[in-house]
Amino acid sequence: MSEMSGSGSPSQNPSPPFRGEREGAAAQRREGEVGIGECSGIPHLTPTLSAPANGPKGGGEGVVRRRRWFYALPALVFLGLAAGFYYGLQIDSNVLPSALIDEPAPRFDLPPLPGHEPGFSSADLAGHVSLVNTFASWCTPCRTEHPVLTALAASKRVPIYGIDYKDKEEAALAWIAALGNPYTRIGADNGRVGIDWGVYGVPETFVVDRLGRIRYKHVGPLTQADLDRTILPLIAKLEK
């Protein structure tokens, strides 16, 4: 016998959904998940997240590459400096390029040192092979090479002309008196003629041929080895 509620309808406990209803709802959910994928013939796959090419992964690779260059840069700089240093060692610092090589010597007419007349001019270079040496009493390397010039002058192998460069007259005379005079003629230069000859500093020595052309320039003090290896063979060649 059933009990009646106050409303006149039978009172009964709520019942769970039928099994068929649950299966129908599940089927609808599956159809919604498949959706467009099945319509296009592409199996439905659960979407996965991936980093874009220019996202965090690409940025990380860029940072790594920059770090590699940063660490490699000091090594590259060192290699460049080492290569430049090695190349510099192969260059003879006593032989500097000159625009005057194979060109006529500049025209000049220098006054003499007192007691060592006459002076020295470009006209003195014509007709024979000669050396032109720039020197000064204040030049320490000049003192080192002076015995080499003195010995060469004593051999009378080649005339040596001197340009006393930016020197004080009294100091130059004392220099010659103390060390001897290896020069055929000496001209006192206030610096202008030295500039015309392209002088970087004293001492410098030039080989001039019989036509008055500069054929060779030696920078720094001459040694006997320089004479034997370069200067004297060149003089012999130019005299032929």
C-alpha atoms as a PDB file:
ATOM      1  CA  MET A   1       0.000   0.000   0.000  1.00  0.00           C
ATOM      2  CA  SER A   2       1.474   3.243  -1.048  1.00  0.00           C
ATOM      3  CA  GLU A   3       1.481   6.400   1.003  1.00  0.00           C
ATOM      4  CA  MET A   4       0.066   9.565  -0.450  1.00  0.00           C
ATOM      5  CA  SER A   5       1.628  12.981  -0.030  1.00  0.00           C
ATOM      6  CA  GLY A   6      -0.233  16.042   0.896  1.00  0.00           C
ATOM      7  CA  SER A   7      -0.452  17.027  -2.778  1.00  0.00           C
ATOM      8  CA  GLY A   8      -2.197  13.911  -3.786  1.00  0.00           C
ATOM      9  CA  SER A   9       0.767  12.495  -5.846  1.00  0.00           C
ATOM     10  CA  PRO A  10       2.615   9.402  -4.902  1.00  0.00           C
ATOM     11  CA  SER A  11       5.852  10.095  -2.868  1.00  0.00           C
ATOM     12  CA  GLN A  12       8.901   8.247  -4.176  1.00  0.00           C
ATOM     13  CA  ASN A  13      12.677   8.524  -3.783  1.00  0.00           C
ATOM     14  CA  PRO A  14      14.739  10.078  -6.655  1.00  0.00           C
ATOM     15  CA  SER A  15      16.276   7.431  -8.851  1.00  0.00           C
ATOM     16  CA  PRO A  16      19.653   7.686 -10.678  1.00  0.00           C
ATOM     17  CA  PRO A  17      19.718   8.210 -14.462  1.00  0.00           C
ATOM     18  CA  PHE A  18      19.041   5.196 -16.537  1.00  0.00           C
ATOM     19  CA  ARG A  19      22.043   3.386 -17.944  1.00  0.00           C
ATOM     20  CA  GLY A  20      20.956   4.186 -21.439  1.00  0.00           C
ATOM     21  CA  GLU A  21      20.884   7.892 -20.672  1.00  0.00           C
ATOM     22  CA  ARG A  22      24.439   7.797 -19.339  1.00  0.00           C
ATOM     23  CA  GLU A  23      25.721   5.974 -22.422  1.00  0.00           C
ATOM     24  CA  GLY A  24      23.930   8.454 -24.685  1.00  0.00           C
ATOM     25  CA  ALA A  25      25.545  11.439 -22.946  1.00  0.00           C
ATOM     26  CA  ALA A  26      28.960   9.830 -23.197  1.00  0.00           C
ATOM     27  CA  ALA A  27      28.461   9.211 -26.892  1.00  0.00           C
ATOM     28  CA  GLN A  28      27.550  12.862 -27.436  1.00  0.00           C
ATOM     29  CA  ARG A  29      30.715  13.959 -25.647  1.00  0.00           C
ATOM     30  CA  ARG A  30      32.833  11.681 -27.833  1.00  0.00           C
ATOM     31  CA  GLU A  31      31.232  13.086 -30.962  1.00  0.00           C
ATOM     32  CA  GLY A  32      32.007  16.619 -29.808  1.00  0.00           C
ATOM     33  CA  GLU A  33      35.661  15.703 -29.157  1.00  0.00           C
ATOM     34  CA  VAL A  34      36.075  14.172 -32.578  1.00  0.00           C
ATOM     35  CA  GLY A  35      34.435  17.136 -34.304  1.00  0.00           C
ATOM     36  CA  ILE A  36      36.240  18.625 -37.277  1.00  0.00           C
ATOM     37  CA  GLY A  37      39.061  16.127 -37.149  1.00  0.00           C
ATOM     38  CA  GLU A  38      36.886  13.265 -38.249  1.00  0.00           C
ATOM     39  CA  CYS A  39      35.193  15.373 -40.905  1.00  0.00           C
ATOM     40  CA  SER A  40      38.508  16.163 -42.555  1.00  0.00           C
ATOM     41  CA  GLY A  41      39.661  12.586 -42.360  1.00  0.00           C
ATOM     42  CA  ILE A  42      42.339  13.422 -39.773  1.00  0.00           C
ATOM     43  CA  PRO A  43      42.264  11.275 -36.645  1.00  0.00           C
ATOM     44  CA  HIS A  44      41.626  13.276 -33.537  1.00  0.00           C
ATOM     45  CA  LEU A  45      44.697  13.819 -31.458  1.00  0.00           C
ATOM     46  CA  THR A  46      44.928  15.370 -28.096  1.00  0.00           C
ATOM     47  CA  PRO A  47      46.619  18.759 -28.653  1.00  0.00           C
ATOM     48  CA  THR A  48      50.083  19.180 -27.151  1.00  0.00           C
ATOM     49  CA  LEU A  49      51.936  22.390 -26.445  1.00  0.00           C
ATOM     50  CA  SER A  50      55.166  23.041 -28.350  1.00  0.00           C
ATOM     51  CA  ALA A  51      57.508  26.044 -28.247  1.00  0.00           C
ATOM     52  CA  PRO A  52      57.507  28.172 -31.414  1.00  0.00           C
ATOM     53  CA  ALA A  53      60.697  28.314 -33.447  1.00  0.00           C
ATOM     54  CA  ASN A  54      61.382  31.796 -32.240  1.00  0.00           C
ATOM     55  CA  GLY A  55      60.190  31.077 -28.736  1.00  0.00           C
ATOM     56  CA  PRO A  56      62.186  30.144 -25.677  1.00  0.00           C
ATOM     57  CA  LYS A  57      64.065  27.326 -27.444  1.00  0.00           C
ATOM     58  CA  GLY A  58      65.276  29.506 -30.334  1.00  0.00           C
ATOM     59  CA  GLY A  59      66.206  32.275 -27.931  1.00  0.00           C
ATOM     60  CA  GLY A  60      68.233  29.848 -25.839  1.00  0.00           C
ATOM     61  CA  GLU A  61      70.226  28.706 -28.867  1.00  0.00           C
ATOM     62  CA  GLY A  62      70.956  32.344 -29.760  1.00  0.00           C
ATOM     63  CA  VAL A  63      72.283  33.010 -26.278  1.00  0.00           C
ATOM     64  CA  VAL A  64      74.550  29.966 -26.517  1.00  0.00           C
ATOM     65  CA  ARG A  65      75.926  31.129 -29.867  1.00  0.00           C
ATOM     66  CA  ARG A  66      76.596  34.619 -28.512  1.00  0.00           C
ATOM     67  CA  ARG A  67      78.384  33.170 -25.512  1.00  0.00           C
ATOM     68  CA  ARG A  68      80.564  31.046 -27.777  1.00  0.00           C
ATOM     69  CA  TRP A  69      81.575  34.140 -29.793  1.00  0.00           C
ATOM     70  CA  PHE A  70      82.212  36.045 -26.568  1.00  0.00           C
ATOM     71  CA  TYR A  71      84.623  33.380 -25.331  1.00  0.00           C
ATOM     72  CA  ALA A  72      86.263  32.995 -28.759  1.00  0.00           C
ATOM     73  CA  LEU A  73      86.860  36.732 -29.287  1.00  0.00           C
ATOM     74  CA  PRO A  74      89.957  37.056 -27.019  1.00  0.00           C
ATOM     75  CA  ALA A  75      91.568  34.099 -28.770  1.00  0.00           C
ATOM     76  CA  LEU A  76      90.924  35.651 -32.193  1.00  0.00           C
ATOM     77  CA  VAL A  77      92.383  38.985 -31.062  1.00  0.00           C
ATOM     78  CA  PHE A  78      95.456  37.219 -29.685  1.00  0.00           C
ATOM     79  CA  LEU A  79      95.973  35.317 -32.933  1.00  0.00           C
ATOM     80  CA  GLY A  80      95.731  38.562 -34.921  1.00  0.00           C
ATOM     81  CA  LEU A  81      98.303  40.285 -32.718  1.00  0.00           C
ATOM     82  CA  ALA A  82     100.619  37.277 -32.887  1.00  0.00           C
ATOM     83  CA  ALA A  83     100.397  37.220 -36.689  1.00  0.00           C
ATOM     84  CA  GLY A  84     101.183  40.948 -36.872  1.00  0.00           C
ATOM     85  CA  PHE A  85     104.125  40.531 -34.511  1.00  0.00           C
ATOM     86  CA  TYR A  86     105.491  37.614 -36.542  1.00  0.00           C
ATOM     87  CA  TYR A  87     105.154  39.609 -39.759  1.00  0.00           C
ATOM     88  CA  GLY A  88     106.957  42.541 -38.151  1.00  0.00           C
ATOM     89  CA  LEU A  89     109.882  40.285 -37.273  1.00  0.00           C
ATOM     90  CA  GLN A  90     110.323  39.450 -40.938  1.00  0.00           C
ATOM     91  CA  ILE A  91     110.824  43.126 -41.864  1.00  0.00           C
ATOM     92  CA  ASP A  92     114.326  44.581 -41.770  1.00  0.00           C
ATOM     93  CA  SER A  93     113.896  47.710 -39.661  1.00  0.00           C
ATOM     94  CA  ASN A  94     117.125  49.106 -41.131  1.00  0.00           C
ATOM     95  CA  VAL A  95     115.616  49.245 -44.598  1.00  0.00           C
ATOM     96  CA  LEU A  96     112.625  51.568 -44.774  1.00  0.00           C
ATOM     97  CA  PRO A  97     110.762  52.334 -47.989  1.00  0.00           C
ATOM     98  CA  SER A  98     111.656  55.675 -49.554  1.00  0.00           C
ATOM     99  CA  ALA A  99     109.986  57.517 -52.390  1.00  0.00           C
ATOM    100  CA  LEU A 100     113.449  58.746 -53.425  1.00  0.00           C
ATOM    101  CA  ILE A 101     114.898  55.343 -54.328  1.00  0.00           C
ATOM    102  CA  ASP A 102     116.087  55.470 -57.974  1.00  0.00           C
ATOM    103  CA  GLU A 103     115.272  59.191 -58.036  1.00  0.00           C
ATOM    104  CA  PRO A 104     117.812  62.037 -58.337  1.00  0.00           C
ATOM    105  CA  ALA A 105     119.088  63.294 -55.004  1.00  0.00           C
ATOM    106  CA  PRO A 106     117.488  66.587 -53.924  1.00  0.00           C
ATOM    107  CA  ARG A 107     119.341  69.706 -54.980  1.00  0.00           C
ATOM    108  CA  PHE A 108     121.032  71.494 -52.088  1.00  0.00           C
ATOM    109  CA  ASP A 109     124.050  73.573 -51.125  1.00  0.00           C
ATOM    110  CA  LEU A 110     125.083  73.342 -47.468  1.00  0.00           C
ATOM    111  CA  PRO A 111     127.615  75.558 -45.734  1.00  0.00           C
ATOM    112  CA  PRO A 112     130.728  73.988 -44.174  1.00  0.00           C
ATOM    113  CA  LEU A 113     131.681  73.576 -40.560  1.00  0.00           C
ATOM    114  CA  PRO A 114     134.341  76.196 -39.700  1.00  0.00           C
ATOM    115  CA  GLY A 115     137.787  74.827 -40.566  1.00  0.00           C
ATOM    116  CA  HIS A 116     136.332  72.100 -42.799  1.00  0.00           C
ATOM    117  CA  GLU A 117     135.757  74.021 -46.000  1.00  0.00           C
ATOM    118  CA  PRO A 118     134.274  73.720 -48.523  1.00  0.00           C
ATOM    119  CA  GLY A 119     130.729  72.705 -47.679  1.00  0.00           C
ATOM    120  CA  PHE A 120     128.677  70.005 -49.358  1.00  0.00           C
ATOM    121  CA  SER A 121     126.282  70.333 -52.318  1.00  0.00           C
ATOM    122  CA  SER A 122     124.414  68.070 -54.724  1.00  0.00           C
ATOM    123  CA  ALA A 123     126.965  68.894 -57.410  1.00  0.00           C
ATOM    124  CA  ASP A 124     129.581  66.913 -55.418  1.00  0.00           C
ATOM    125  CA  LEU A 125     127.673  63.672 -56.051  1.00  0.00           C
ATOM    126  CA  ALA A 126     128.008  63.637 -59.838  1.00  0.00           C
ATOM    127  CA  GLY A 127     130.385  61.312 -61.690  1.00  0.00           C
ATOM    128  CA  HIS A 128     131.062  58.666 -59.017  1.00  0.00           C
ATOM    129  CA  VAL A 129     129.383  56.287 -56.578  1.00  0.00           C
ATOM    130  CA  SER A 130     129.323  57.672 -53.057  1.00  0.00           C
ATOM    131  CA  LEU A 131     127.846  57.410 -49.575  1.00  0.00           C
ATOM    132  CA  VAL A 132     125.919  60.194 -47.868  1.00  0.00           C
ATOM    133  CA  ASN A 133     125.754  59.842 -44.086  1.00  0.00           C
ATOM    134  CA  THR A 134     123.628  61.920 -41.725  1.00  0.00           C
ATOM    135  CA  PHE A 135     125.018  62.357 -38.211  1.00  0.00           C
ATOM    136  CA  ALA A 136     124.968  64.645 -35.156  1.00  0.00           C
ATOM    137  CA  SER A 137     127.079  65.061 -32.041  1.00  0.00           C
ATOM    138  CA  TRP A 138     123.990  64.494 -29.846  1.00  0.00           C
ATOM    139  CA  CYS A 139     123.286  61.138 -31.539  1.00  0.00           C
ATOM    140  CA  THR A 140     124.452  58.150 -29.455  1.00  0.00           C
ATOM    141  CA  PRO A 141     124.100  55.564 -32.285  1.00  0.00           C
ATOM    142  CA  CYS A 142     126.244  57.849 -34.457  1.00  0.00           C
ATOM    143  CA  ARG A 143     129.094  57.382 -31.995  1.00  0.00           C
ATOM    144  CA  THR A 144     128.636  53.605 -32.313  1.00  0.00           C
ATOM    145  CA  GLU A 145     128.935  53.613 -36.114  1.00  0.00           C
ATOM    146  CA  HIS A 146     131.734  56.206 -36.317  1.00  0.00           C
ATOM    147  CA  PRO A 147     134.612  53.664 -36.127  1.00  0.00           C
ATOM    148  CA  VAL A 148     133.020  51.730 -39.024  1.00  0.00           C
ATOM    149  CA  LEU A 149     132.943  54.890 -41.162  1.00  0.00           C
ATOM    150  CA  THR A 150     136.501  55.764 -40.153  1.00  0.00           C
ATOM    151  CA  ALA A 151     137.771  52.338 -41.243  1.00  0.00           C
ATOM    152  CA  LEU A 152     135.861  52.570 -44.537  1.00  0.00           C
ATOM    153  CA  ALA A 153     137.290  56.036 -45.227  1.00  0.00           C
ATOM    154  CA  ALA A 154     140.822  54.761 -44.536  1.00  0.00           C
ATOM    155  CA  SER A 155     140.333  52.043 -47.191  1.00  0.00           C
ATOM    156  CA  LYS A 156     139.538  54.753 -49.777  1.00  0.00           C
ATOM    157  CA  ARG A 157     136.960  52.379 -51.226  1.00  0.00           C
ATOM    158  CA  VAL A 158     134.234  55.025 -51.631  1.00  0.00           C
ATOM    159  CA  PRO A 159     133.927  58.753 -50.777  1.00  0.00           C
ATOM    160  CA  ILE A 160     131.746  59.482 -47.753  1.00  0.00           C
ATOM    161  CA  TYR A 161     129.898  62.783 -47.507  1.00  0.00           C
ATOM    162  CA  GLY A 162     128.478  63.959 -44.195  1.00  0.00           C
ATOM    163  CA  ILE A 163     125.351  65.972 -43.377  1.00  0.00           C
ATOM    164  CA  ASP A 164     125.607  67.349 -39.832  1.00  0.00           C
ATOM    165  CA  TYR A 165     121.912  67.297 -38.895  1.00  0.00           C
ATOM    166  CA  LYS A 166     120.400  69.907 -36.534  1.00  0.00           C
ATOM    167  CA  ASP A 167     123.603  70.240 -34.562  1.00  0.00           C
ATOM    168  CA  LYS A 168     125.343  73.008 -32.683  1.00  0.00           C
ATOM    169  CA  GLU A 169     128.448  74.177 -34.473  1.00  0.00           C
ATOM    170  CA  GLU A 170     130.724  73.994 -31.417  1.00  0.00           C
ATOM    171  CA  ALA A 171     129.475  70.518 -30.497  1.00  0.00           C
ATOM    172  CA  ALA A 172     129.976  69.248 -34.057  1.00  0.00           C
ATOM    173  CA  LEU A 173     133.540  70.579 -34.179  1.00  0.00           C
ATOM    174  CA  ALA A 174     134.328  68.947 -30.835  1.00  0.00           C
ATOM    175  CA  TRP A 175     132.873  65.672 -32.113  1.00  0.00           C
ATOM    176  CA  ILE A 176     135.086  65.680 -35.205  1.00  0.00           C
ATOM    177  CA  ALA A 177     138.137  66.671 -33.184  1.00  0.00           C
ATOM    178  CA  ALA A 178     137.597  63.840 -30.698  1.00  0.00           C
ATOM    179  CA  LEU A 179     136.550  61.001 -33.028  1.00  0.00           C
ATOM    180  CA  GLY A 180     138.212  61.923 -36.333  1.00  0.00           C
ATOM    181  CA  ASN A 181     136.804  63.009 -39.678  1.00  0.00           C
ATOM    182  CA  PRO A 182     135.855  60.195 -42.085  1.00  0.00           C
ATOM    183  CA  TYR A 183     134.051  62.564 -44.469  1.00  0.00           C
ATOM    184  CA  THR A 184     135.239  63.886 -47.809  1.00  0.00           C
ATOM    185  CA  ARG A 185     133.041  66.939 -47.207  1.00  0.00           C
ATOM    186  CA  ILE A 186     130.654  68.003 -44.454  1.00  0.00           C
ATOM    187  CA  GLY A 187     127.595  70.211 -44.799  1.00  0.00           C
ATOM    188  CA  ALA A 188     125.870  71.814 -41.803  1.00  0.00           C
ATOM    189  CA  ASP A 189     122.102  71.336 -42.054  1.00  0.00           C
ATOM    190  CA  ASN A 190     119.481  73.091 -39.955  1.00  0.00           C
ATOM    191  CA  GLY A 191     117.025  70.311 -40.853  1.00  0.00           C
ATOM    192  CA  ARG A 192     115.634  71.485 -44.187  1.00  0.00           C
ATOM    193  CA  VAL A 193     117.914  69.364 -46.405  1.00  0.00           C
ATOM    194  CA  GLY A 194     117.323  66.342 -44.171  1.00  0.00           C
ATOM    195  CA  ILE A 195     113.603  66.697 -44.778  1.00  0.00           C
ATOM    196  CA  ASP A 196     114.211  66.804 -48.533  1.00  0.00           C
ATOM    197  CA  TRP A 197     116.166  63.560 -48.243  1.00  0.00           C
ATOM    198  CA  GLY A 198     113.352  61.931 -46.248  1.00  0.00           C
ATOM    199  CA  VAL A 199     115.443  61.533 -43.105  1.00  0.00           C
ATOM    200  CA  TYR A 200     113.562  59.860 -40.246  1.00  0.00           C
ATOM    201  CA  GLY A 201     116.384  60.360 -37.760  1.00  0.00           C
ATOM    202  CA  VAL A 202     120.137  60.048 -37.500  1.00  0.00           C
ATOM    203  CA  PRO A 203     122.134  58.149 -38.416  1.00  0.00           C
ATOM    204  CA  GLU A 204     121.010  57.266 -41.913  1.00  0.00           C
ATOM    205  CA  THR A 205     123.174  56.357 -44.883  1.00  0.00           C
ATOM    206  CA  PHE A 206     122.391  56.616 -48.593  1.00  0.00           C
ATOM    207  CA  VAL A 207     124.112  55.006 -51.574  1.00  0.00           C
ATOM    208  CA  VAL A 208     124.189  57.393 -54.548  1.00  0.00           C
ATOM    209  CA  ASP A 209     125.187  56.276 -58.034  1.00  0.00           C
ATOM    210  CA  ARG A 210     127.382  58.181 -60.509  1.00  0.00           C
ATOM    211  CA  LEU A 211     124.336  59.905 -62.008  1.00  0.00           C
ATOM    212  CA  GLY A 212     123.424  61.357 -58.647  1.00  0.00           C
ATOM    213  CA  ARG A 213     120.467  59.009 -58.052  1.00  0.00           C
ATOM    214  CA  ILE A 214     119.692  57.539 -54.626  1.00  0.00           C
ATOM    215  CA  ARG A 215     119.887  53.765 -54.931  1.00  0.00           C
ATOM    216  CA  TYR A 216     119.706  52.549 -51.339  1.00  0.00           C
ATOM    217  CA  LYS A 217     118.831  53.812 -47.866  1.00  0.00           C
ATOM    218  CA  HIS A 218     120.032  52.350 -44.568  1.00  0.00           C
ATOM    219  CA  VAL A 219     118.383  53.487 -41.335  1.00  0.00           C
ATOM    220  CA  GLY A 220     120.335  53.251 -38.099  1.00  0.00           C
ATOM    221  CA  PRO A 221     124.032  52.781 -37.352  1.00  0.00           C
ATOM    222  CA  LEU A 222     126.074  50.946 -39.955  1.00  0.00           C
ATOM    223  CA  THR A 223     127.941  47.835 -38.909  1.00  0.00           C
ATOM    224  CA  GLN A 224     130.748  46.026 -40.654  1.00  0.00           C
ATOM    225  CA  ALA A 225     128.267  43.266 -41.437  1.00  0.00           C
ATOM    226  CA  ASP A 226     126.023  45.803 -43.171  1.00  0.00           C
ATOM    227  CA  LEU A 227     128.930  46.955 -45.301  1.00  0.00           C
ATOM    228  CA  ASP A 228     130.041  43.453 -46.223  1.00  0.00           C
ATOM    229  CA  ARG A 229     126.580  42.059 -46.871  1.00  0.00           C
ATOM    230  CA  THR A 230     124.833  44.963 -48.603  1.00  0.00           C
ATOM    231  CA  ILE A 231     126.651  48.269 -49.042  1.00  0.00           C
ATOM    232  CA  LEU A 232     129.953  47.210 -50.616  1.00  0.00           C
ATOM    233  CA  PRO A 233     128.391  44.652 -53.024  1.00  0.00           C
ATOM    234  CA  LEU A 234     125.953  47.342 -54.202  1.00  0.00           C
ATOM    235  CA  ILE A 235     128.775  49.837 -54.700  1.00  0.00           C
ATOM    236  CA  ALA A 236     130.709  47.280 -56.777  1.00  0.00           C
ATOM    237  CA  LYS A 237     127.624  46.641 -58.903  1.00  0.00           C
ATOM    238  CA  LEU A 238     126.982  50.356 -59.486  1.00  0.00           C
ATOM    239  CA  GLU A 239     130.600  50.959 -60.497  1.00  0.00           C
ATOM    240  CA  LYS A 240     130.400  48.508 -63.410  1.00  0.00           C
END
